[in-house]
C-alpha cells in the first residue's frame, strides 16, 4: 500500500519541451516498483510527475534523482536551443 504521495507540475515555455522532458524521463523506470510508483504525463506545456511510495525515504530519494535528471534535461534543451 502506498502511504505517501507527491505531485509536481512544471511549466515549460512550449508544449514540445514538456513532451521532450516527459519522453526522456519515462525511459528510466523505477527500480523497486513495489515500493515506489511514478507516472509522468503532460498537459500542453505542463509536465506532471506523480509519485506514490510506501515510505518517505524512498519518495525523497526518487524525487531527488528525478529532479537531478530533469535539471540535466532542461540544461541540454537550453544548450541546443541556443545552438
C-alpha atoms as a PDB file:
ATOM      1  CA  UNK A   1       0.000   0.000   0.000  1.00  0.00           C
ATOM      2  CA  UNK A   2       1.309   3.432  -0.989  1.00  0.00           C
ATOM      3  CA  UNK A   3       1.024   5.775   2.018  1.00  0.00           C
ATOM      4  CA  UNK A   4       2.994   8.751   0.682  1.00  0.00           C
ATOM      5  CA  UNK A   5       2.191  10.812  -2.409  1.00  0.00           C
ATOM      6  CA  UNK A   6       3.741  13.752  -4.216  1.00  0.00           C
ATOM      7  CA  UNK A   7       2.602  15.611  -7.307  1.00  0.00           C
ATOM      8  CA  UNK A   8       4.851  18.057  -9.142  1.00  0.00           C
ATOM      9  CA  UNK A   9       3.804  20.328 -12.016  1.00  0.00           C
ATOM     10  CA  UNK A  10       6.453  22.159 -14.019  1.00  0.00           C
ATOM     11  CA  UNK A  11       5.634  24.594 -16.799  1.00  0.00           C
ATOM     12  CA  UNK A  12       7.750  24.879 -19.926  1.00  0.00           C
ATOM     13  CA  UNK A  13       7.747  27.726 -22.468  1.00  0.00           C
ATOM     14  CA  UNK A  14       6.286  25.446 -25.165  1.00  0.00           C
ATOM     15  CA  UNK A  15       4.383  22.144 -25.347  1.00  0.00           C
ATOM     16  CA  UNK A  16       7.228  20.436 -27.209  1.00  0.00           C
ATOM     17  CA  UNK A  17       9.673  20.962 -24.324  1.00  0.00           C
ATOM     18  CA  UNK A  18       7.310  19.375 -21.795  1.00  0.00           C
ATOM     19  CA  UNK A  19       6.867  16.442 -24.183  1.00  0.00           C
ATOM     20  CA  UNK A  20      10.641  16.040 -24.659  1.00  0.00           C
ATOM     21  CA  UNK A  21      11.167  16.038 -20.881  1.00  0.00           C
ATOM     22  CA  UNK A  22       8.361  13.508 -20.401  1.00  0.00           C
ATOM     23  CA  UNK A  23       9.652  11.113 -23.052  1.00  0.00           C
ATOM     24  CA  UNK A  24      13.207  11.374 -21.733  1.00  0.00           C
ATOM     25  CA  UNK A  25      12.250  10.800 -18.081  1.00  0.00           C
ATOM     26  CA  UNK A  26       9.941   7.888 -18.936  1.00  0.00           C
ATOM     27  CA  UNK A  27      12.907   5.896 -20.282  1.00  0.00           C
ATOM     28  CA  UNK A  28      14.219   5.387 -16.738  1.00  0.00           C
ATOM     29  CA  UNK A  29      11.832   3.187 -14.785  1.00  0.00           C
ATOM     30  CA  UNK A  30      11.790   2.913 -11.000  1.00  0.00           C
ATOM     31  CA  UNK A  31      13.935   0.031  -9.789  1.00  0.00           C
ATOM     32  CA  UNK A  32      11.598  -1.037  -6.978  1.00  0.00           C
ATOM     33  CA  UNK A  33       8.094  -0.662  -8.386  1.00  0.00           C
ATOM     34  CA  UNK A  34       6.648  -2.443  -5.354  1.00  0.00           C
ATOM     35  CA  UNK A  35       7.959   0.404  -3.147  1.00  0.00           C
ATOM     36  CA  UNK A  36       7.564   3.440  -5.405  1.00  0.00           C
ATOM     37  CA  UNK A  37       5.337   4.174  -8.369  1.00  0.00           C
ATOM     38  CA  UNK A  38       5.949   7.113 -10.701  1.00  0.00           C
ATOM     39  CA  UNK A  39       3.814   8.445 -13.544  1.00  0.00           C
ATOM     40  CA  UNK A  40       4.887  11.221 -15.883  1.00  0.00           C
ATOM     41  CA  UNK A  41       2.444  12.924 -18.219  1.00  0.00           C
ATOM     42  CA  UNK A  42       1.975  16.273 -19.926  1.00  0.00           C
ATOM     43  CA  UNK A  43      -0.916  18.697 -20.299  1.00  0.00           C
ATOM     44  CA  UNK A  44       0.009  21.172 -23.002  1.00  0.00           C
ATOM     45  CA  UNK A  45       3.174  22.878 -21.727  1.00  0.00           C
ATOM     46  CA  UNK A  46       2.924  21.403 -18.197  1.00  0.00           C
ATOM     47  CA  UNK A  47       4.993  18.393 -17.152  1.00  0.00           C
ATOM     48  CA  UNK A  48       3.118  16.435 -14.471  1.00  0.00           C
ATOM     49  CA  UNK A  49       5.003  13.999 -12.241  1.00  0.00           C
ATOM     50  CA  UNK A  50       3.170  11.881  -9.672  1.00  0.00           C
ATOM     51  CA  UNK A  51       4.861   9.694  -7.080  1.00  0.00           C
ATOM     52  CA  UNK A  52       3.355   7.147  -4.708  1.00  0.00           C
ATOM     53  CA  UNK A  53       5.542   5.404  -2.148  1.00  0.00           C
ATOM     54  CA  UNK A  54       5.325   3.035   0.757  1.00  0.00           C
ATOM     55  CA  UNK A  55       7.787   5.147   2.767  1.00  0.00           C
ATOM     56  CA  UNK A  56       9.003   8.738   2.925  1.00  0.00           C
ATOM     57  CA  UNK A  57      12.684   7.914   2.417  1.00  0.00           C
ATOM     58  CA  UNK A  58      12.068   6.195  -0.919  1.00  0.00           C
ATOM     59  CA  UNK A  59       9.841   9.066  -2.013  1.00  0.00           C
ATOM     60  CA  UNK A  60      12.545  11.612  -1.182  1.00  0.00           C
ATOM     61  CA  UNK A  61      15.284   9.615  -2.909  1.00  0.00           C
ATOM     62  CA  UNK A  62      13.262   9.022  -6.051  1.00  0.00           C
ATOM     63  CA  UNK A  63      12.195  12.659  -6.219  1.00  0.00           C
ATOM     64  CA  UNK A  64      15.753  13.880  -5.785  1.00  0.00           C
ATOM     65  CA  UNK A  65      17.037  11.564  -8.530  1.00  0.00           C
ATOM     66  CA  UNK A  66      14.310  12.604 -10.930  1.00  0.00           C
ATOM     67  CA  UNK A  67      14.884  16.319 -10.278  1.00  0.00           C
ATOM     68  CA  UNK A  68      18.598  15.895 -10.996  1.00  0.00           C
ATOM     69  CA  UNK A  69      17.733  14.220 -14.306  1.00  0.00           C
ATOM     70  CA  UNK A  70      15.207  16.934 -15.093  1.00  0.00           C
ATOM     71  CA  UNK A  71      17.832  19.603 -14.404  1.00  0.00           C
ATOM     72  CA  UNK A  72      20.189  17.908 -16.886  1.00  0.00           C
ATOM     73  CA  UNK A  73      17.401  17.573 -19.465  1.00  0.00           C
ATOM     74  CA  UNK A  74      16.408  21.248 -19.260  1.00  0.00           C
ATOM     75  CA  UNK A  75      20.053  22.341 -19.406  1.00  0.00           C
ATOM     76  CA  UNK A  76      20.546  20.214 -22.531  1.00  0.00           C
ATOM     77  CA  UNK A  77      17.389  21.600 -24.154  1.00  0.00           C
ATOM     78  CA  UNK A  78      18.600  25.152 -23.443  1.00  0.00           C
ATOM     79  CA  UNK A  79      22.045  24.392 -24.884  1.00  0.00           C
ATOM     80  CA  UNK A  80      20.531  23.022 -28.112  1.00  0.00           C
ATOM     81  CA  UNK A  81      18.016  25.853 -28.353  1.00  0.00           C
ATOM     82  CA  UNK A  82      20.836  28.388 -28.345  1.00  0.00           C
ATOM     83  CA  UNK A  83      22.890  26.477 -30.951  1.00  0.00           C
END
